[in-house]
Each structure stands twice: as structure tokens, then as C-alpha cells.
Amino acid sequence: MQGMRWGLSCGFFAEEATTLSVYIETLKKAVGLGCDKFVIGHYPDLLDSKYLENFLDYATHVDYSKGIPFKNPIIQ
């Protein structure tokens, strides 16, 4: 994962995405499973479970007021 930046990127809060509260609850459940590794879409390797903790931290501290609206040109 060297060189990769993990953060809240564009599309994270797109209209087609689930609500932030559901995302946070899902992450809490995933962290609670106690797995050492997990997989996500769009990344070919297993990820260490510490990234779930990072995702949860990002999601619980996001500030919508600092975001920039993004209109996905693919989704009408």
C-alpha cells in the first residue's frame, strides 16, 4: 500500500452511495469481525485490517462543510 493515499475521495458521498450512518455501522461491524485481512473492490491485494480502522476514523470525522460538490458525468 506504499504510495497510496487513503482518504475521502470524490464519489464517496455521491447520490448513489449509502448514507454515512449506514457506512459507519457497516465499518463497525467489519472491524468487529476481528479479521487480519480483507478485500475491497478496485484493489487487487488483501488489505491489513488496520485500514478498516482508518476508514472508520475518516467516516466519523468527515466535515461536509469543507467538501466540494461533484456531479458525476457518468450517472445522470
Protein backbone atom coordinates (compact mmCIF):
# COMPACT_ATOMS: atom_id res chain seq x y z
CA MET A 1 0.00 0.00 0.00
CA GLN A 2 3.01 2.26 -0.16
CA GLY A 3 2.34 5.34 -2.22
CA MET A 4 -1.43 5.02 -1.93
CA ARG A 5 -3.33 7.77 -0.19
CA TRP A 6 -6.40 6.74 1.75
CA GLY A 7 -8.98 9.39 2.31
CA LEU A 8 -12.42 10.53 1.35
CA SER A 9 -12.18 10.88 -2.39
CA CYS A 10 -14.71 12.05 -4.94
CA GLY A 11 -17.71 9.80 -5.23
CA PHE A 12 -17.59 8.84 -1.56
CA PHE A 13 -20.79 10.71 -0.86
CA ALA A 14 -22.32 10.51 -4.32
CA GLU A 15 -26.10 10.33 -4.64
CA GLU A 16 -25.97 6.60 -5.33
CA ALA A 17 -23.90 5.92 -2.20
CA THR A 18 -25.40 4.67 1.03
CA THR A 19 -25.88 7.10 3.89
CA LEU A 20 -22.92 8.00 6.06
CA SER A 21 -24.58 6.49 9.14
CA VAL A 22 -25.06 3.14 7.36
CA TYR A 23 -21.46 3.24 6.12
CA ILE A 24 -20.19 3.86 9.66
CA GLU A 25 -22.30 1.00 11.08
CA THR A 26 -21.03 -1.31 8.32
CA LEU A 27 -17.44 -0.42 9.13
CA LYS A 28 -18.05 -1.02 12.84
CA LYS A 29 -19.42 -4.48 12.03
CA ALA A 30 -16.44 -5.23 9.78
CA VAL A 31 -13.97 -4.13 12.47
CA GLY A 32 -15.85 -6.30 14.97
CA LEU A 33 -15.27 -9.43 12.88
CA GLY A 34 -11.66 -9.47 14.04
CA CYS A 35 -10.15 -10.45 10.68
CA ASP A 36 -6.48 -9.88 9.93
CA LYS A 37 -7.05 -9.09 6.23
CA PHE A 38 -9.93 -8.05 3.99
CA VAL A 39 -10.65 -7.32 0.33
CA ILE A 40 -12.25 -4.33 -1.35
CA GLY A 41 -13.28 -3.61 -4.91
CA HIS A 42 -10.86 -1.87 -7.25
CA TYR A 43 -7.77 -3.05 -5.38
CA PRO A 44 -6.18 -6.42 -6.22
CA ASP A 45 -4.45 -7.28 -2.94
CA LEU A 46 -5.52 -8.19 0.58
CA LEU A 47 -5.55 -5.22 2.93
CA ASP A 48 -4.50 -5.24 6.55
CA SER A 49 -7.42 -4.77 8.93
CA LYS A 50 -5.86 -1.51 10.21
CA TYR A 51 -7.30 0.13 7.08
CA LEU A 52 -10.82 -0.62 8.31
CA GLU A 53 -9.97 1.38 11.42
CA ASN A 54 -8.68 4.19 9.19
CA PHE A 55 -11.84 4.17 7.07
CA LEU A 56 -13.96 4.30 10.21
CA ASP A 57 -11.90 7.19 11.56
CA TYR A 58 -12.28 9.12 8.31
CA ALA A 59 -16.02 8.49 8.15
CA THR A 60 -16.64 9.57 11.75
CA HIS A 61 -14.66 12.80 11.35
CA VAL A 62 -15.75 13.94 7.89
CA ASP A 63 -16.85 17.56 7.62
CA TYR A 64 -19.39 18.04 4.83
CA SER A 65 -19.00 21.83 5.02
CA LYS A 66 -15.45 21.54 3.68
CA GLY A 67 -16.47 19.34 0.75
CA ILE A 68 -16.73 20.34 -2.89
CA PRO A 69 -19.87 19.23 -4.78
CA PHE A 70 -19.12 16.82 -7.60
CA LYS A 71 -21.52 15.93 -10.37
CA ASN A 72 -20.67 12.53 -11.80
CA PRO A 73 -20.91 12.88 -15.59
CA ILE A 74 -21.50 9.14 -16.00
CA ILE A 75 -24.53 8.97 -13.71
CA GLN A 76 -27.38 11.17 -14.87
